[in-house]
Amino acid sequence: MQKKEDYIGSISEYIKRNLKKGYTKESLKWALVKQGHSRLEVDKAMAKVDSELANMAPILKTKPEITLEVIEPQGAIVKKKSLWAKLRGK
């Protein structure tokens, strides 16, 4: 049984390396199947990679707060249009 887990581990390491290079999971899956690996073992390796990457992802504790601040230039005359003037396009 140890040999089987090492085999799936080596496939999962291959998948992680190539994901970092920019390949998609789907393309890696079918490339491994075409190279002679069984679909079941490739699926197990994909599941292992997914769980390992999920454990490495940072957990956001708070939502970022977005603020808006309007800064007008000093000494400039700012002429504001009324709502009706904006609607008429003047």
PDB file of N, CA and C in Angstrom:
ATOM      1  N   MET A   1       0.819  -1.198   0.000  1.00  0.00           N
ATOM      2  CA  MET A   1       0.000   0.000   0.000  1.00  0.00           C
ATOM      3  C   MET A   1       0.867   1.268   0.000  1.00  0.00           C
ATOM      4  N   GLN A   2       2.039   1.181   0.600  1.00  0.00           N
ATOM      5  CA  GLN A   2       2.932   2.331   0.659  1.00  0.00           C
ATOM      6  C   GLN A   2       3.359   2.758  -0.739  1.00  0.00           C
ATOM      7  N   LYS A   3       3.603   1.793  -1.601  1.00  0.00           N
ATOM      8  CA  LYS A   3       4.038   2.099  -2.959  1.00  0.00           C
ATOM      9  C   LYS A   3       2.964   2.880  -3.715  1.00  0.00           C
ATOM     10  N   LYS A   4       1.692   2.522  -3.504  1.00  0.00           N
ATOM     11  CA  LYS A   4       0.581   3.192  -4.174  1.00  0.00           C
ATOM     12  C   LYS A   4       0.503   4.655  -3.742  1.00  0.00           C
ATOM     13  N   GLU A   5       0.686   4.926  -2.441  1.00  0.00           N
ATOM     14  CA  GLU A   5       0.612   6.309  -1.955  1.00  0.00           C
ATOM     15  C   GLU A   5       1.787   7.136  -2.461  1.00  0.00           C
ATOM     16  N   ASP A   6       2.963   6.506  -2.570  1.00  0.00           N
ATOM     17  CA  ASP A   6       4.105   7.222  -3.141  1.00  0.00           C
ATOM     18  C   ASP A   6       3.849   7.556  -4.604  1.00  0.00           C
ATOM     19  N   TYR A   7       3.211   6.636  -5.299  1.00  0.00           N
ATOM     20  CA  TYR A   7       2.887   6.843  -6.711  1.00  0.00           C
ATOM     21  C   TYR A   7       1.923   8.009  -6.880  1.00  0.00           C
ATOM     22  N   ILE A   8       0.870   8.032  -6.064  1.00  0.00           N
ATOM     23  CA  ILE A   8      -0.096   9.140  -6.124  1.00  0.00           C
ATOM     24  C   ILE A   8       0.564  10.438  -5.674  1.00  0.00           C
ATOM     25  N   GLY A   9       1.466  10.339  -4.705  1.00  0.00           N
ATOM     26  CA  GLY A   9       2.201  11.524  -4.254  1.00  0.00           C
ATOM     27  C   GLY A   9       3.076  12.104  -5.349  1.00  0.00           C
ATOM     28  N   SER A  10       3.708  11.231  -6.130  1.00  0.00           N
ATOM     29  CA  SER A  10       4.557  11.738  -7.215  1.00  0.00           C
ATOM     30  C   SER A  10       3.710  12.372  -8.316  1.00  0.00           C
ATOM     31  N   ILE A  11       2.543  11.798  -8.574  1.00  0.00           N
ATOM     32  CA  ILE A  11       1.640  12.398  -9.565  1.00  0.00           C
ATOM     33  C   ILE A  11       1.156  13.758  -9.060  1.00  0.00           C
ATOM     34  N   SER A  12       0.830  13.848  -7.767  1.00  0.00           N
ATOM     35  CA  SER A  12       0.335  15.123  -7.233  1.00  0.00           C
ATOM     36  C   SER A  12       1.427  16.188  -7.259  1.00  0.00           C
ATOM     37  N   GLU A  13       2.682  15.817  -7.012  1.00  0.00           N
ATOM     38  CA  GLU A  13       3.785  16.778  -7.107  1.00  0.00           C
ATOM     39  C   GLU A  13       3.957  17.270  -8.545  1.00  0.00           C
ATOM     40  N   TYR A  14       3.815  16.353  -9.500  1.00  0.00           N
ATOM     41  CA  TYR A  14       3.873  16.719 -10.916  1.00  0.00           C
ATOM     42  C   TYR A  14       2.767  17.728 -11.245  1.00  0.00           C
ATOM     43  N   ILE A  15       1.574  17.472 -10.723  1.00  0.00           N
ATOM     44  CA  ILE A  15       0.439  18.362 -10.987  1.00  0.00           C
ATOM     45  C   ILE A  15       0.703  19.745 -10.394  1.00  0.00           C
ATOM     46  N   LYS A  16       1.186  19.791  -9.144  1.00  0.00           N
ATOM     47  CA  LYS A  16       1.452  21.085  -8.496  1.00  0.00           C
ATOM     48  C   LYS A  16       2.518  21.887  -9.240  1.00  0.00           C
ATOM     49  N   ARG A  17       3.584  21.200  -9.668  1.00  0.00           N
ATOM     50  CA  ARG A  17       4.641  21.901 -10.416  1.00  0.00           C
ATOM     51  C   ARG A  17       4.096  22.522 -11.689  1.00  0.00           C
ATOM     52  N   ASN A  18       3.263  21.768 -12.402  1.00  0.00           N
ATOM     53  CA  ASN A  18       2.750  22.265 -13.677  1.00  0.00           C
ATOM     54  C   ASN A  18       1.619  23.269 -13.508  1.00  0.00           C
ATOM     55  N   LEU A  19       0.902  23.216 -12.397  1.00  0.00           N
ATOM     56  CA  LEU A  19      -0.090  24.266 -12.123  1.00  0.00           C
ATOM     57  C   LEU A  19       0.618  25.601 -11.913  1.00  0.00           C
ATOM     58  N   LYS A  20       1.770  25.577 -11.248  1.00  0.00           N
ATOM     59  CA  LYS A  20       2.546  26.802 -11.047  1.00  0.00           C
ATOM     60  C   LYS A  20       3.051  27.374 -12.368  1.00  0.00           C
ATOM     61  N   LYS A  21       3.263  26.485 -13.349  1.00  0.00           N
ATOM     62  CA  LYS A  21       3.712  26.931 -14.668  1.00  0.00           C
ATOM     63  C   LYS A  21       2.577  27.518 -15.490  1.00  0.00           C
ATOM     64  N   GLY A  22       1.313  27.291 -15.061  1.00  0.00           N
ATOM     65  CA  GLY A  22       0.185  27.896 -15.764  1.00  0.00           C
ATOM     66  C   GLY A  22      -0.712  26.924 -16.496  1.00  0.00           C
ATOM     67  N   TYR A  23      -0.432  25.628 -16.406  1.00  0.00           N
ATOM     68  CA  TYR A  23      -1.298  24.649 -17.056  1.00  0.00           C
ATOM     69  C   TYR A  23      -2.603  24.497 -16.284  1.00  0.00           C
ATOM     70  N   THR A  24      -3.681  24.141 -16.969  1.00  0.00           N
ATOM     71  CA  THR A  24      -4.962  23.927 -16.300  1.00  0.00           C
ATOM     72  C   THR A  24      -5.035  22.511 -15.755  1.00  0.00           C
ATOM     73  N   LYS A  25      -5.901  22.328 -14.769  1.00  0.00           N
ATOM     74  CA  LYS A  25      -6.084  21.004 -14.176  1.00  0.00           C
ATOM     75  C   LYS A  25      -6.578  20.004 -15.215  1.00  0.00           C
ATOM     76  N   GLU A  26      -7.493  20.452 -16.030  1.00  0.00           N
ATOM     77  CA  GLU A  26      -8.074  19.562 -17.033  1.00  0.00           C
ATOM     78  C   GLU A  26      -7.028  19.093 -18.034  1.00  0.00           C
ATOM     79  N   SER A  27      -6.171  20.001 -18.496  1.00  0.00           N
ATOM     80  CA  SER A  27      -5.145  19.609 -19.467  1.00  0.00           C
ATOM     81  C   SER A  27      -4.130  18.658 -18.832  1.00  0.00           C
ATOM     82  N   LEU A  28      -3.794  18.890 -17.558  1.00  0.00           N
ATOM     83  CA  LEU A  28      -2.866  17.994 -16.876  1.00  0.00           C
ATOM     84  C   LEU A  28      -3.483  16.614 -16.664  1.00  0.00           C
ATOM     85  N   LYS A  29      -4.765  16.602 -16.342  1.00  0.00           N
ATOM     86  CA  LYS A  29      -5.453  15.328 -16.119  1.00  0.00           C
ATOM     87  C   LYS A  29      -5.399  14.468 -17.373  1.00  0.00           C
ATOM     88  N   TRP A  30      -5.757  15.043 -18.505  1.00  0.00           N
ATOM     89  CA  TRP A  30      -5.791  14.262 -19.737  1.00  0.00           C
ATOM     90  C   TRP A  30      -4.399  13.946 -20.253  1.00  0.00           C
ATOM     91  N   ALA A  31      -3.435  14.783 -19.972  1.00  0.00           N
ATOM     92  CA  ALA A  31      -2.055  14.471 -20.356  1.00  0.00           C
ATOM     93  C   ALA A  31      -1.551  13.258 -19.580  1.00  0.00           C
ATOM     94  N   LEU A  32      -1.881  13.202 -18.288  1.00  0.00           N
ATOM     95  CA  LEU A  32      -1.460  12.059 -17.482  1.00  0.00           C
ATOM     96  C   LEU A  32      -2.155  10.776 -17.921  1.00  0.00           C
ATOM     97  N   VAL A  33      -3.448  10.876 -18.264  1.00  0.00           N
ATOM     98  CA  VAL A  33      -4.176   9.693 -18.737  1.00  0.00           C
ATOM     99  C   VAL A  33      -3.582   9.202 -20.053  1.00  0.00           C
ATOM    100  N   LYS A  34      -3.238  10.129 -20.939  1.00  0.00           N
ATOM    101  CA  LYS A  34      -2.648   9.743 -22.225  1.00  0.00           C
ATOM    102  C   LYS A  34      -1.254   9.134 -22.049  1.00  0.00           C
ATOM    103  N   GLN A  35      -0.571   9.499 -20.955  1.00  0.00           N
ATOM    104  CA  GLN A  35       0.754   8.940 -20.693  1.00  0.00           C
ATOM    105  C   GLN A  35       0.670   7.542 -20.081  1.00  0.00           C
ATOM    106  N   GLY A  36      -0.545   7.073 -19.782  1.00  0.00           N
ATOM    107  CA  GLY A  36      -0.698   5.711 -19.291  1.00  0.00           C
ATOM    108  C   GLY A  36      -1.121   5.585 -17.845  1.00  0.00           C
ATOM    109  N   HIS A  37      -1.312   6.690 -17.150  1.00  0.00           N
ATOM    110  CA  HIS A  37      -1.773   6.627 -15.762  1.00  0.00           C
ATOM    111  C   HIS A  37      -3.276   6.372 -15.764  1.00  0.00           C
ATOM    112  N   SER A  38      -3.754   5.644 -14.748  1.00  0.00           N
ATOM    113  CA  SER A  38      -5.190   5.353 -14.714  1.00  0.00           C
ATOM    114  C   SER A  38      -5.966   6.589 -14.286  1.00  0.00           C
ATOM    115  N   ARG A  39      -7.195   6.692 -14.750  1.00  0.00           N
ATOM    116  CA  ARG A  39      -8.032   7.852 -14.420  1.00  0.00           C
ATOM    117  C   ARG A  39      -8.296   7.936 -12.925  1.00  0.00           C
ATOM    118  N   LEU A  40      -8.486   6.787 -12.295  1.00  0.00           N
ATOM    119  CA  LEU A  40      -8.771   6.762 -10.868  1.00  0.00           C
ATOM    120  C   LEU A  40      -7.600   7.321 -10.065  1.00  0.00           C
ATOM    121  N   GLU A  41      -6.387   6.921 -10.411  1.00  0.00           N
ATOM    122  CA  GLU A  41      -5.215   7.424  -9.699  1.00  0.00           C
ATOM    123  C   GLU A  41      -5.000   8.909  -9.957  1.00  0.00           C
ATOM    124  N   VAL A  42      -5.252   9.345 -11.170  1.00  0.00           N
ATOM    125  CA  VAL A  42      -5.109  10.770 -11.500  1.00  0.00           C
ATOM    126  C   VAL A  42      -6.145  11.580 -10.724  1.00  0.00           C
ATOM    127  N   ASP A  43      -7.380  11.063 -10.618  1.00  0.00           N
ATOM    128  CA  ASP A  43      -8.419  11.760  -9.857  1.00  0.00           C
ATOM    129  C   ASP A  43      -8.056  11.841  -8.378  1.00  0.00           C
ATOM    130  N   LYS A  44      -7.474  10.754  -7.835  1.00  0.00           N
ATOM    131  CA  LYS A  44      -7.044  10.778  -6.434  1.00  0.00           C
ATOM    132  C   LYS A  44      -5.942  11.804  -6.226  1.00  0.00           C
ATOM    133  N   ALA A  45      -5.011  11.875  -7.170  1.00  0.00           N
ATOM    134  CA  ALA A  45      -3.922  12.851  -7.076  1.00  0.00           C
ATOM    135  C   ALA A  45      -4.465  14.278  -7.176  1.00  0.00           C
ATOM    136  N   MET A  46      -5.455  14.492  -8.050  1.00  0.00           N
ATOM    137  CA  MET A  46      -6.082  15.819  -8.179  1.00  0.00           C
ATOM    138  C   MET A  46      -6.766  16.213  -6.871  1.00  0.00           C
ATOM    139  N   ALA A  47      -7.465  15.261  -6.255  1.00  0.00           N
ATOM    140  CA  ALA A  47      -8.135  15.548  -4.986  1.00  0.00           C
ATOM    141  C   ALA A  47      -7.114  15.880  -3.901  1.00  0.00           C
ATOM    142  N   LYS A  48      -5.989  15.172  -3.911  1.00  0.00           N
ATOM    143  CA  LYS A  48      -4.932  15.447  -2.936  1.00  0.00           C
ATOM    144  C   LYS A  48      -4.349  16.844  -3.141  1.00  0.00           C
ATOM    145  N   VAL A  49      -4.114  17.210  -4.395  1.00  0.00           N
ATOM    146  CA  VAL A  49      -3.585  18.547  -4.710  1.00  0.00           C
ATOM    147  C   VAL A  49      -4.573  19.619  -4.279  1.00  0.00           C
ATOM    148  N   ASP A  50      -5.870  19.406  -4.557  1.00  0.00           N
ATOM    149  CA  ASP A  50      -6.891  20.384  -4.171  1.00  0.00           C
ATOM    150  C   ASP A  50      -6.901  20.598  -2.664  1.00  0.00           C
ATOM    151  N   SER A  51      -6.826  19.508  -1.890  1.00  0.00           N
ATOM    152  CA  SER A  51      -6.864  19.652  -0.438  1.00  0.00           C
ATOM    153  C   SER A  51      -5.594  20.318   0.082  1.00  0.00           C
ATOM    154  N   GLU A  52      -4.433  19.997  -0.505  1.00  0.00           N
ATOM    155  CA  GLU A  52      -3.187  20.630  -0.069  1.00  0.00           C
ATOM    156  C   GLU A  52      -3.176  22.121  -0.392  1.00  0.00           C
ATOM    157  N   LEU A  53      -3.646  22.485  -1.577  1.00  0.00           N
ATOM    158  CA  LEU A  53      -3.678  23.902  -1.946  1.00  0.00           C
ATOM    159  C   LEU A  53      -4.705  24.666  -1.121  1.00  0.00           C
ATOM    160  N   ALA A  54      -5.813  24.014  -0.758  1.00  0.00           N
ATOM    161  CA  ALA A  54      -6.817  24.673   0.071  1.00  0.00           C
ATOM    162  C   ALA A  54      -6.272  24.929   1.475  1.00  0.00           C
ATOM    163  N   ASN A  55      -5.448  24.025   1.978  1.00  0.00           N
ATOM    164  CA  ASN A  55      -4.857  24.219   3.306  1.00  0.00           C
ATOM    165  C   ASN A  55      -3.815  25.324   3.303  1.00  0.00           C
ATOM    166  N   MET A  56      -3.174  25.564   2.163  1.00  0.00           N
ATOM    167  CA  MET A  56      -2.149  26.599   2.070  1.00  0.00           C
ATOM    168  C   MET A  56      -2.736  27.995   1.850  1.00  0.00           C
ATOM    169  N   ALA A  57      -3.995  28.081   1.442  1.00  0.00           N
ATOM    170  CA  ALA A  57      -4.606  29.376   1.139  1.00  0.00           C
ATOM    171  C   ALA A  57      -4.810  30.167   2.431  1.00  0.00           C
ATOM    172  N   PRO A  58      -4.553  31.475   2.404  1.00  0.00           N
ATOM    173  CA  PRO A  58      -4.749  32.287   3.605  1.00  0.00           C
ATOM    174  C   PRO A  58      -6.233  32.442   3.916  1.00  0.00           C
ATOM    175  N   ILE A  59      -6.537  32.524   5.201  1.00  0.00           N
ATOM    176  CA  ILE A  59      -7.907  32.712   5.650  1.00  0.00           C
ATOM    177  C   ILE A  59      -8.113  34.190   5.949  1.00  0.00           C
ATOM    178  N   LEU A  60      -9.087  34.792   5.287  1.00  0.00           N
ATOM    179  CA  LEU A  60      -9.384  36.206   5.518  1.00  0.00           C
ATOM    180  C   LEU A  60     -10.287  36.320   6.732  1.00  0.00           C
ATOM    181  N   LYS A  61      -9.825  37.050   7.737  1.00  0.00           N
ATOM    182  CA  LYS A  61     -10.601  37.184   8.957  1.00  0.00           C
ATOM    183  C   LYS A  61     -11.581  38.351   8.887  1.00  0.00           C
ATOM    184  N   THR A  62     -11.212  39.394   8.180  1.00  0.00           N
ATOM    185  CA  THR A  62     -12.097  40.541   8.057  1.00  0.00           C
ATOM    186  C   THR A  62     -12.183  40.941   6.595  1.00  0.00           C
ATOM    187  N   LYS A  63     -13.268  41.578   6.283  1.00  0.00           N
ATOM    188  CA  LYS A  63     -13.433  42.090   4.927  1.00  0.00           C
ATOM    189  C   LYS A  63     -12.682  43.413   4.815  1.00  0.00           C
ATOM    190  N   PRO A  64     -12.071  43.681   3.683  1.00  0.00           N
ATOM    191  CA  PRO A  64     -11.399  44.968   3.528  1.00  0.00           C
ATOM    192  C   PRO A  64     -12.426  46.098   3.481  1.00  0.00           C
ATOM    193  N   GLU A  65     -12.072  47.217   4.066  1.00  0.00           N
ATOM    194  CA  GLU A  65     -12.974  48.365   4.099  1.00  0.00           C
ATOM    195  C   GLU A  65     -12.568  49.344   3.005  1.00  0.00           C
ATOM    196  N   ILE A  66     -13.523  49.675   2.168  1.00  0.00           N
ATOM    197  CA  ILE A  66     -13.264  50.591   1.067  1.00  0.00           C
ATOM    198  C   ILE A  66     -13.834  51.953   1.431  1.00  0.00           C
ATOM    199  N   THR A  67     -13.009  52.972   1.348  1.00  0.00           N
ATOM    200  CA  THR A  67     -13.461  54.320   1.654  1.00  0.00           C
ATOM    201  C   THR A  67     -13.277  55.205   0.425  1.00  0.00           C
ATOM    202  N   LEU A  68     -14.081  56.230   0.345  1.00  0.00           N
ATOM    203  CA  LEU A  68     -14.026  57.166  -0.770  1.00  0.00           C
ATOM    204  C   LEU A  68     -13.832  58.556  -0.207  1.00  0.00           C
ATOM    205  N   GLU A  69     -12.830  59.236  -0.710  1.00  0.00           N
ATOM    206  CA  GLU A  69     -12.552  60.591  -0.259  1.00  0.00           C
ATOM    207  C   GLU A  69     -12.372  61.471  -1.485  1.00  0.00           C
ATOM    208  N   VAL A  70     -13.151  62.540  -1.555  1.00  0.00           N
ATOM    209  CA  VAL A  70     -13.058  63.478  -2.671  1.00  0.00           C
ATOM    210  C   VAL A  70     -12.170  64.631  -2.238  1.00  0.00           C
ATOM    211  N   ILE A  71     -11.128  64.854  -2.992  1.00  0.00           N
ATOM    212  CA  ILE A  71     -10.190  65.928  -2.677  1.00  0.00           C
ATOM    213  C   ILE A  71     -10.290  66.964  -3.787  1.00  0.00           C
ATOM    214  N   GLU A  72     -10.678  68.185  -3.380  1.00  0.00           N
ATOM    215  CA  GLU A  72     -10.785  69.279  -4.350  1.00  0.00           C
ATOM    216  C   GLU A  72      -9.534  70.135  -4.250  1.00  0.00           C
ATOM    217  N   PRO A  73      -9.067  70.650  -5.378  1.00  0.00           N
ATOM    218  CA  PRO A  73      -7.855  71.470  -5.359  1.00  0.00           C
ATOM    219  C   PRO A  73      -8.078  72.759  -4.557  1.00  0.00           C
ATOM    220  N   GLN A  74      -7.022  73.203  -3.868  1.00  0.00           N
ATOM    221  CA  GLN A  74      -7.122  74.418  -3.054  1.00  0.00           C
ATOM    222  C   GLN A  74      -7.108  75.646  -3.945  1.00  0.00           C
ATOM    223  N   GLY A  75      -7.966  76.587  -3.651  1.00  0.00           N
ATOM    224  CA  GLY A  75      -7.999  77.848  -4.369  1.00  0.00           C
ATOM    225  C   GLY A  75      -8.696  77.771  -5.714  1.00  0.00           C
ATOM    226  N   ALA A  76      -9.176  76.629  -6.096  1.00  0.00           N
ATOM    227  CA  ALA A  76      -9.852  76.500  -7.377  1.00  0.00           C
ATOM    228  C   ALA A  76     -11.336  76.765  -7.190  1.00  0.00           C
ATOM    229  N   ILE A  77     -11.925  77.345  -8.204  1.00  0.00           N
ATOM    230  CA  ILE A  77     -13.360  77.606  -8.171  1.00  0.00           C
ATOM    231  C   ILE A  77     -14.051  76.420  -8.829  1.00  0.00           C
ATOM    232  N   VAL A  78     -14.855  75.761  -8.059  1.00  0.00           N
ATOM    233  CA  VAL A  78     -15.544  74.578  -8.558  1.00  0.00           C
ATOM    234  C   VAL A  78     -16.995  74.952  -8.779  1.00  0.00           C
ATOM    235  N   LYS A  79     -17.417  74.905 -10.028  1.00  0.00           N
ATOM    236  CA  LYS A  79     -18.792  75.240 -10.354  1.00  0.00           C
ATOM    237  C   LYS A  79     -19.561  73.939 -10.502  1.00  0.00           C
ATOM    238  N   LYS A  80     -20.538  73.773  -9.631  1.00  0.00           N
ATOM    239  CA  LYS A  80     -21.321  72.551  -9.655  1.00  0.00           C
ATOM    240  C   LYS A  80     -22.600  72.788 -10.420  1.00  0.00           C
ATOM    241  N   LYS A  81     -22.992  71.785 -11.229  1.00  0.00           N
ATOM    242  CA  LYS A  81     -24.225  71.875 -11.989  1.00  0.00           C
ATOM    243  C   LYS A  81     -25.373  71.318 -11.167  1.00  0.00           C
ATOM    244  N   SER A  82     -26.545  71.864 -11.437  1.00  0.00           N
ATOM    245  CA  SER A  82     -27.703  71.323 -10.773  1.00  0.00           C
ATOM    246  C   SER A  82     -28.098  70.007 -11.462  1.00  0.00           C
ATOM    247  N   LEU A  83     -28.943  69.259 -10.821  1.00  0.00           N
ATOM    248  CA  LEU A  83     -29.375  67.975 -11.369  1.00  0.00           C
ATOM    249  C   LEU A  83     -30.060  68.176 -12.708  1.00  0.00           C
ATOM    250  N   TRP A  84     -30.897  69.199 -12.832  1.00  0.00           N
ATOM    251  CA  TRP A  84     -31.620  69.427 -14.086  1.00  0.00           C
ATOM    252  C   TRP A  84     -30.676  69.822 -15.207  1.00  0.00           C
ATOM    253  N   ALA A  85     -29.642  70.595 -14.874  1.00  0.00           N
ATOM    254  CA  ALA A  85     -28.668  70.980 -15.896  1.00  0.00           C
ATOM    255  C   ALA A  85     -27.880  69.762 -16.382  1.00  0.00           C
ATOM    256  N   LYS A  86     -27.564  68.845 -15.460  1.00  0.00           N
ATOM    257  CA  LYS A  86     -26.867  67.625 -15.848  1.00  0.00           C
ATOM    258  C   LYS A  86     -27.743  66.753 -16.748  1.00  0.00           C
ATOM    259  N   LEU A  87     -29.023  66.672 -16.436  1.00  0.00           N
ATOM    260  CA  LEU A  87     -29.930  65.847 -17.228  1.00  0.00           C
ATOM    261  C   LEU A  87     -30.155  66.421 -18.623  1.00  0.00           C
ATOM    262  N   ARG A  88     -30.196  67.740 -18.719  1.00  0.00           N
ATOM    263  CA  ARG A  88     -30.400  68.374 -20.025  1.00  0.00           C
ATOM    264  C   ARG A  88     -29.106  68.419 -20.830  1.00  0.00           C
ATOM    265  N   GLY A  89     -27.968  68.201 -20.182  1.00  0.00           N
ATOM    266  CA  GLY A  89     -26.691  68.195 -20.887  1.00  0.00           C
ATOM    267  C   GLY A  89     -26.063  69.561 -21.033  1.00  0.00           C
ATOM    268  N   LYS A  90     -26.429  70.491 -20.217  1.00  0.00           N
ATOM    269  CA  LYS A  90     -25.852  71.848 -20.275  1.00  0.00           C
ATOM    270  C   LYS A  90     -24.730  72.006 -19.304  1.00  0.00           C
TER     271      LYS A  90
END
